[in-house]
Every structure is written in structure tokens, then in C-alpha cells.
Amino acid sequence: MVVIMEVVMMIMMLMVVMVMVV
């Protein structure tokens, strides 16, 4: 499903941003 992939991409981006901030 495209929606699931989009959600996964958003979660991955959020995790990357959190790692860079911390």
C-alpha cells in the first residue's frame, strides 16, 4: 500500500531528525 510506505518514510525521517538533534 502506498499509504503505509508514506507513513514509514515519515517515521524514518522523524527518527533521523531526532538522532541528528540528539
N, C-alpha and C. Protein backbone atom coordinates (compact mmCIF):
# COMPACT_ATOMS: atom_id res chain seq x y z
N MET A 1 0.86 -1.21 0.00
CA MET A 1 0.00 0.00 0.00
C MET A 1 0.90 1.26 0.00
N VAL A 2 0.49 2.23 -0.79
CA VAL A 2 1.27 3.47 -0.88
C VAL A 2 1.20 4.24 0.44
N VAL A 3 0.03 4.22 1.07
CA VAL A 3 -0.14 4.97 2.33
C VAL A 3 0.81 4.44 3.40
N ILE A 4 0.92 3.13 3.50
CA ILE A 4 1.80 2.52 4.51
C ILE A 4 3.25 2.95 4.25
N MET A 5 3.67 2.92 2.99
CA MET A 5 5.05 3.32 2.65
C MET A 5 5.28 4.78 3.02
N GLU A 6 4.28 5.62 2.77
CA GLU A 6 4.42 7.04 3.08
C GLU A 6 4.58 7.24 4.59
N VAL A 7 3.78 6.51 5.36
CA VAL A 7 3.87 6.61 6.83
C VAL A 7 5.24 6.14 7.31
N VAL A 8 5.72 5.05 6.74
CA VAL A 8 7.04 4.52 7.13
C VAL A 8 8.12 5.55 6.81
N MET A 9 8.04 6.19 5.65
CA MET A 9 9.03 7.20 5.28
C MET A 9 9.00 8.35 6.27
N MET A 10 7.80 8.78 6.67
CA MET A 10 7.68 9.89 7.63
C MET A 10 8.31 9.50 8.97
N ILE A 11 8.05 8.27 9.41
CA ILE A 11 8.62 7.80 10.69
C ILE A 11 10.15 7.76 10.59
N MET A 12 10.67 7.27 9.48
CA MET A 12 12.13 7.20 9.32
C MET A 12 12.73 8.60 9.33
N MET A 13 12.09 9.53 8.66
CA MET A 13 12.59 10.91 8.64
C MET A 13 12.59 11.49 10.06
N LEU A 14 11.51 11.24 10.80
CA LEU A 14 11.43 11.74 12.18
C LEU A 14 12.56 11.16 13.03
N MET A 15 12.81 9.87 12.89
CA MET A 15 13.88 9.23 13.67
C MET A 15 15.23 9.82 13.31
N VAL A 16 15.46 10.07 12.04
CA VAL A 16 16.74 10.65 11.60
C VAL A 16 16.89 12.05 12.19
N VAL A 17 15.83 12.84 12.16
CA VAL A 17 15.88 14.20 12.70
C VAL A 17 16.17 14.15 14.20
N MET A 18 15.52 13.24 14.92
CA MET A 18 15.74 13.12 16.37
C MET A 18 17.18 12.72 16.66
N VAL A 19 17.72 11.81 15.86
CA VAL A 19 19.11 11.37 16.06
C VAL A 19 20.06 12.54 15.81
N MET A 20 19.80 13.33 14.79
CA MET A 20 20.68 14.47 14.48
C MET A 20 20.60 15.52 15.58
N VAL A 21 19.40 15.73 16.12
CA VAL A 21 19.23 16.73 17.19
C VAL A 21 19.94 16.25 18.46
N VAL A 22 19.80 14.97 18.75
CA VAL A 22 20.40 14.41 19.98
C VAL A 22 21.84 13.98 19.66
